[in-house]
């Protein structure tokens, strides 16, 4: 539980940066850092949890700071793309960790 709190805090720091930068600049790729770290250190489920939290923070930042898209539909497409990217990365890092663990067991 504590590791997830740490990664949640890191996500909140990126969220604060997201709010400071405003609607024109999005640091959404920085949300990948805690997703990758959580996945590698604690597995795919932790990475998926951090990815879902990150996606929610990206949505919240856009609601609070605004978004640069012409319509909310365009924003929705962009957000769903970012959320899917975070979830796919979480899944892949979980698979990589499991493969690494299996490889070390065989050696």
N, C-alpha and C. Protein backbone atom coordinates (compact mmCIF):
# COMPACT_ATOMS: atom_id res chain seq x y z
N UNK A 1 0.81 -1.19 0.00
CA UNK A 1 0.00 0.00 0.00
C UNK A 1 0.86 1.27 0.00
N UNK A 2 1.92 1.29 0.81
CA UNK A 2 2.79 2.47 0.87
C UNK A 2 3.43 2.80 -0.47
N UNK A 3 3.93 1.79 -1.21
CA UNK A 3 4.51 2.13 -2.51
C UNK A 3 3.50 2.81 -3.43
N UNK A 4 2.26 2.36 -3.41
CA UNK A 4 1.25 2.99 -4.25
C UNK A 4 1.00 4.43 -3.81
N UNK A 5 1.08 4.69 -2.52
CA UNK A 5 0.93 6.07 -2.05
C UNK A 5 2.07 6.94 -2.57
N UNK A 6 3.26 6.40 -2.58
CA UNK A 6 4.40 7.15 -3.11
C UNK A 6 4.19 7.49 -4.58
N UNK A 7 3.80 6.48 -5.38
CA UNK A 7 3.59 6.72 -6.80
C UNK A 7 2.40 7.64 -7.03
N UNK A 8 1.39 7.55 -6.18
CA UNK A 8 0.27 8.49 -6.25
C UNK A 8 0.74 9.91 -6.00
N UNK A 9 1.65 10.08 -5.04
CA UNK A 9 2.21 11.40 -4.76
C UNK A 9 2.98 11.93 -5.96
N UNK A 10 3.76 11.08 -6.60
CA UNK A 10 4.50 11.49 -7.79
C UNK A 10 3.53 11.94 -8.88
N UNK A 11 2.44 11.21 -9.04
CA UNK A 11 1.42 11.60 -10.01
C UNK A 11 0.82 12.96 -9.66
N UNK A 12 0.62 13.21 -8.38
CA UNK A 12 0.08 14.50 -7.95
C UNK A 12 1.06 15.63 -8.23
N UNK A 13 2.36 15.37 -8.13
CA UNK A 13 3.36 16.39 -8.47
C UNK A 13 3.28 16.71 -9.97
N UNK A 14 3.15 15.68 -10.80
CA UNK A 14 3.01 15.91 -12.23
C UNK A 14 1.69 16.66 -12.51
N UNK A 15 0.65 16.31 -11.78
CA UNK A 15 -0.64 16.99 -11.91
C UNK A 15 -0.50 18.49 -11.59
N UNK A 16 0.23 18.80 -10.52
CA UNK A 16 0.45 20.21 -10.16
C UNK A 16 1.20 20.93 -11.29
N UNK A 17 2.20 20.27 -11.85
CA UNK A 17 2.92 20.84 -12.99
C UNK A 17 1.98 21.04 -14.18
N UNK A 18 1.11 20.08 -14.39
CA UNK A 18 0.11 20.16 -15.46
C UNK A 18 -0.77 21.40 -15.29
N UNK A 19 -1.19 21.66 -14.06
CA UNK A 19 -2.01 22.84 -13.79
C UNK A 19 -1.22 24.14 -13.98
N UNK A 20 0.03 24.14 -13.55
CA UNK A 20 0.87 25.33 -13.68
C UNK A 20 1.12 25.67 -15.14
N UNK A 21 1.36 24.66 -15.96
CA UNK A 21 1.66 24.89 -17.37
C UNK A 21 0.45 25.34 -18.17
N UNK A 22 -0.73 25.02 -17.69
CA UNK A 22 -1.94 25.46 -18.37
C UNK A 22 -2.35 24.56 -19.53
N UNK A 23 -3.29 25.06 -20.30
CA UNK A 23 -3.91 24.25 -21.34
C UNK A 23 -3.03 24.04 -22.57
N UNK A 24 -2.11 24.94 -22.83
CA UNK A 24 -1.35 24.86 -24.07
C UNK A 24 -0.19 23.87 -24.05
N UNK A 25 0.30 23.54 -22.87
CA UNK A 25 1.42 22.60 -22.74
C UNK A 25 0.97 21.48 -21.82
N UNK A 26 1.13 20.26 -22.29
CA UNK A 26 0.72 19.11 -21.48
C UNK A 26 1.91 18.22 -21.17
N UNK A 27 2.21 18.02 -19.91
CA UNK A 27 3.30 17.11 -19.54
C UNK A 27 2.82 15.67 -19.37
N UNK A 28 1.86 15.27 -20.18
CA UNK A 28 1.24 13.97 -19.93
C UNK A 28 2.23 12.81 -19.99
N UNK A 29 3.29 12.94 -20.77
CA UNK A 29 4.26 11.85 -20.83
C UNK A 29 5.00 11.67 -19.51
N UNK A 30 5.04 12.71 -18.67
CA UNK A 30 5.66 12.56 -17.35
C UNK A 30 4.86 11.61 -16.45
N UNK A 31 3.58 11.44 -16.74
CA UNK A 31 2.78 10.49 -15.99
C UNK A 31 3.25 9.05 -16.24
N UNK A 32 4.01 8.85 -17.32
CA UNK A 32 4.55 7.52 -17.60
C UNK A 32 5.59 7.08 -16.58
N UNK A 33 6.32 8.03 -16.01
CA UNK A 33 7.41 7.68 -15.08
C UNK A 33 6.91 6.87 -13.88
N UNK A 34 5.88 7.33 -13.15
CA UNK A 34 5.42 6.51 -12.03
C UNK A 34 4.76 5.20 -12.49
N UNK A 35 4.15 5.21 -13.67
CA UNK A 35 3.55 3.98 -14.18
C UNK A 35 4.64 2.94 -14.44
N UNK A 36 5.70 3.36 -15.11
CA UNK A 36 6.81 2.46 -15.40
C UNK A 36 7.49 1.96 -14.12
N UNK A 37 7.74 2.87 -13.19
CA UNK A 37 8.41 2.49 -11.95
C UNK A 37 7.54 1.54 -11.12
N UNK A 38 6.26 1.85 -11.01
CA UNK A 38 5.36 0.98 -10.24
C UNK A 38 5.28 -0.40 -10.87
N UNK A 39 5.21 -0.45 -12.18
CA UNK A 39 5.13 -1.73 -12.86
C UNK A 39 6.38 -2.57 -12.71
N UNK A 40 7.52 -1.92 -12.82
CA UNK A 40 8.77 -2.68 -12.73
C UNK A 40 9.04 -3.14 -11.30
N UNK A 41 8.76 -2.29 -10.35
CA UNK A 41 9.06 -2.63 -8.96
C UNK A 41 8.00 -3.51 -8.30
N UNK A 42 6.73 -3.35 -8.69
CA UNK A 42 5.65 -4.02 -7.96
C UNK A 42 4.68 -4.80 -8.83
N UNK A 43 4.87 -4.81 -10.13
CA UNK A 43 4.06 -5.65 -11.00
C UNK A 43 2.97 -4.90 -11.76
N UNK A 44 2.32 -5.67 -12.62
CA UNK A 44 1.33 -5.11 -13.53
C UNK A 44 0.12 -4.50 -12.85
N UNK A 45 -0.35 -5.11 -11.76
CA UNK A 45 -1.54 -4.55 -11.10
C UNK A 45 -1.25 -3.18 -10.51
N UNK A 46 -0.09 -3.01 -9.93
CA UNK A 46 0.28 -1.70 -9.40
C UNK A 46 0.40 -0.69 -10.53
N UNK A 47 0.99 -1.10 -11.64
CA UNK A 47 1.13 -0.20 -12.78
C UNK A 47 -0.23 0.20 -13.34
N UNK A 48 -1.15 -0.74 -13.42
CA UNK A 48 -2.50 -0.43 -13.91
C UNK A 48 -3.22 0.54 -12.98
N UNK A 49 -3.04 0.36 -11.68
CA UNK A 49 -3.66 1.28 -10.72
C UNK A 49 -3.10 2.69 -10.87
N UNK A 50 -1.79 2.81 -11.01
CA UNK A 50 -1.16 4.11 -11.17
C UNK A 50 -1.56 4.72 -12.52
N UNK A 51 -1.67 3.91 -13.55
CA UNK A 51 -2.08 4.40 -14.87
C UNK A 51 -3.51 4.94 -14.83
N UNK A 52 -4.40 4.23 -14.16
CA UNK A 52 -5.79 4.69 -14.05
C UNK A 52 -5.86 6.00 -13.26
N UNK A 53 -5.09 6.09 -12.19
CA UNK A 53 -5.05 7.32 -11.40
C UNK A 53 -4.50 8.48 -12.23
N UNK A 54 -3.45 8.21 -13.01
CA UNK A 54 -2.86 9.22 -13.88
C UNK A 54 -3.87 9.70 -14.92
N UNK A 55 -4.60 8.77 -15.51
CA UNK A 55 -5.60 9.14 -16.52
C UNK A 55 -6.68 10.03 -15.89
N UNK A 56 -7.08 9.70 -14.68
CA UNK A 56 -8.08 10.53 -13.99
C UNK A 56 -7.52 11.93 -13.71
N UNK A 57 -6.25 12.02 -13.35
CA UNK A 57 -5.63 13.32 -13.09
C UNK A 57 -5.50 14.15 -14.37
N UNK A 58 -5.21 13.50 -15.48
CA UNK A 58 -5.15 14.21 -16.76
C UNK A 58 -6.52 14.81 -17.08
N UNK A 59 -7.56 14.04 -16.86
CA UNK A 59 -8.92 14.54 -17.09
C UNK A 59 -9.24 15.71 -16.16
N UNK A 60 -8.88 15.56 -14.90
CA UNK A 60 -9.14 16.61 -13.92
C UNK A 60 -8.36 17.89 -14.26
N UNK A 61 -7.13 17.74 -14.70
CA UNK A 61 -6.33 18.92 -15.07
C UNK A 61 -6.97 19.66 -16.23
N UNK A 62 -7.49 18.92 -17.19
CA UNK A 62 -8.14 19.57 -18.33
C UNK A 62 -9.42 20.27 -17.90
N UNK A 63 -10.14 19.68 -16.96
CA UNK A 63 -11.37 20.31 -16.48
C UNK A 63 -11.06 21.58 -15.69
N UNK A 64 -9.96 21.57 -14.96
CA UNK A 64 -9.61 22.73 -14.14
C UNK A 64 -8.88 23.82 -14.92
N UNK A 65 -7.95 23.43 -15.77
CA UNK A 65 -7.11 24.40 -16.47
C UNK A 65 -7.59 24.68 -17.89
N UNK A 66 -8.53 23.91 -18.36
CA UNK A 66 -8.99 24.06 -19.74
C UNK A 66 -8.20 23.16 -20.68
N UNK A 67 -8.65 23.10 -21.91
CA UNK A 67 -7.95 22.28 -22.91
C UNK A 67 -7.86 23.08 -24.20
N UNK A 68 -6.88 22.77 -25.04
CA UNK A 68 -6.67 23.55 -26.26
C UNK A 68 -7.47 23.07 -27.48
N UNK A 69 -8.40 22.17 -27.28
CA UNK A 69 -9.11 21.57 -28.41
C UNK A 69 -10.34 22.38 -28.78
N UNK A 70 -10.75 22.27 -30.03
CA UNK A 70 -11.89 23.04 -30.52
C UNK A 70 -13.19 22.60 -29.86
N UNK A 71 -13.33 21.31 -29.62
CA UNK A 71 -14.56 20.79 -29.02
C UNK A 71 -14.22 19.81 -27.91
N UNK A 72 -15.22 19.53 -27.08
CA UNK A 72 -15.04 18.53 -26.04
C UNK A 72 -14.90 17.14 -26.64
N UNK A 73 -15.49 16.92 -27.80
CA UNK A 73 -15.32 15.64 -28.49
C UNK A 73 -13.86 15.42 -28.84
N UNK A 74 -13.23 16.46 -29.39
CA UNK A 74 -11.80 16.36 -29.71
C UNK A 74 -10.98 16.10 -28.46
N UNK A 75 -11.32 16.79 -27.39
CA UNK A 75 -10.61 16.53 -26.13
C UNK A 75 -10.82 15.09 -25.68
N UNK A 76 -12.05 14.60 -25.79
CA UNK A 76 -12.33 13.22 -25.39
C UNK A 76 -11.50 12.21 -26.16
N UNK A 77 -11.35 12.45 -27.46
CA UNK A 77 -10.51 11.56 -28.26
C UNK A 77 -9.06 11.61 -27.79
N UNK A 78 -8.58 12.81 -27.53
CA UNK A 78 -7.20 12.96 -27.06
C UNK A 78 -7.01 12.30 -25.71
N UNK A 79 -7.94 12.55 -24.80
CA UNK A 79 -7.82 11.97 -23.46
C UNK A 79 -7.88 10.44 -23.52
N UNK A 80 -8.80 9.90 -24.30
CA UNK A 80 -8.90 8.44 -24.36
C UNK A 80 -7.64 7.83 -24.97
N UNK A 81 -7.01 8.53 -25.90
CA UNK A 81 -5.75 8.07 -26.47
C UNK A 81 -4.65 8.05 -25.40
N UNK A 82 -4.59 9.11 -24.60
CA UNK A 82 -3.58 9.18 -23.54
C UNK A 82 -3.83 8.12 -22.47
N UNK A 83 -5.10 7.97 -22.09
CA UNK A 83 -5.43 6.96 -21.08
C UNK A 83 -5.09 5.56 -21.59
N UNK A 84 -5.44 5.27 -22.84
CA UNK A 84 -5.13 3.96 -23.41
C UNK A 84 -3.62 3.75 -23.47
N UNK A 85 -2.88 4.78 -23.81
CA UNK A 85 -1.41 4.66 -23.86
C UNK A 85 -0.85 4.32 -22.49
N UNK A 86 -1.33 5.00 -21.47
CA UNK A 86 -0.86 4.72 -20.10
C UNK A 86 -1.19 3.28 -19.70
N UNK A 87 -2.40 2.83 -20.02
CA UNK A 87 -2.80 1.47 -19.65
C UNK A 87 -2.02 0.42 -20.42
N UNK A 88 -1.75 0.67 -21.69
CA UNK A 88 -0.95 -0.28 -22.48
C UNK A 88 0.47 -0.35 -21.95
N UNK A 89 1.06 0.78 -21.64
CA UNK A 89 2.41 0.79 -21.07
C UNK A 89 2.42 0.04 -19.73
N UNK A 90 1.40 0.25 -18.91
CA UNK A 90 1.32 -0.46 -17.64
C UNK A 90 1.27 -1.97 -17.86
N UNK A 91 0.46 -2.39 -18.79
CA UNK A 91 0.34 -3.81 -19.10
C UNK A 91 1.66 -4.38 -19.61
N UNK A 92 2.33 -3.63 -20.51
CA UNK A 92 3.58 -4.11 -21.08
C UNK A 92 4.71 -4.18 -20.05
N UNK A 93 4.79 -3.19 -19.17
CA UNK A 93 5.85 -3.24 -18.16
C UNK A 93 5.57 -4.38 -17.17
N UNK A 94 4.30 -4.66 -16.92
CA UNK A 94 3.97 -5.81 -16.08
C UNK A 94 4.41 -7.11 -16.73
N UNK A 95 4.19 -7.23 -18.04
CA UNK A 95 4.64 -8.43 -18.76
C UNK A 95 6.17 -8.53 -18.76
N UNK A 96 6.84 -7.40 -18.94
CA UNK A 96 8.30 -7.40 -18.96
C UNK A 96 8.85 -7.82 -17.60
N UNK A 97 8.23 -7.34 -16.53
CA UNK A 97 8.69 -7.71 -15.19
C UNK A 97 8.50 -9.21 -14.96
N UNK A 98 7.33 -9.72 -15.37
CA UNK A 98 7.08 -11.14 -15.19
C UNK A 98 8.07 -11.98 -16.00
N UNK A 99 8.37 -11.55 -17.23
CA UNK A 99 9.34 -12.28 -18.05
C UNK A 99 10.72 -12.22 -17.42
N UNK A 100 11.09 -11.09 -16.85
CA UNK A 100 12.37 -10.96 -16.18
C UNK A 100 12.46 -11.88 -14.97
N UNK A 101 11.36 -11.92 -14.21
CA UNK A 101 11.34 -12.82 -13.04
C UNK A 101 11.45 -14.28 -13.47
N UNK A 102 10.74 -14.66 -14.53
CA UNK A 102 10.81 -16.03 -15.03
C UNK A 102 12.20 -16.37 -15.53
N UNK A 103 12.84 -15.43 -16.19
CA UNK A 103 14.20 -15.65 -16.70
C UNK A 103 15.19 -15.84 -15.55
N UNK A 104 15.05 -15.03 -14.48
CA UNK A 104 15.97 -15.16 -13.36
C UNK A 104 15.75 -16.46 -12.59
N UNK A 105 14.52 -16.96 -12.61
CA UNK A 105 14.25 -18.24 -11.95
C UNK A 105 14.91 -19.38 -12.71
N UNK A 106 14.90 -19.31 -14.03
CA UNK A 106 15.49 -20.37 -14.87
C UNK A 106 17.01 -20.41 -14.75
N UNK A 107 17.61 -19.27 -14.44
CA UNK A 107 19.08 -19.24 -14.38
C UNK A 107 19.61 -19.75 -13.12
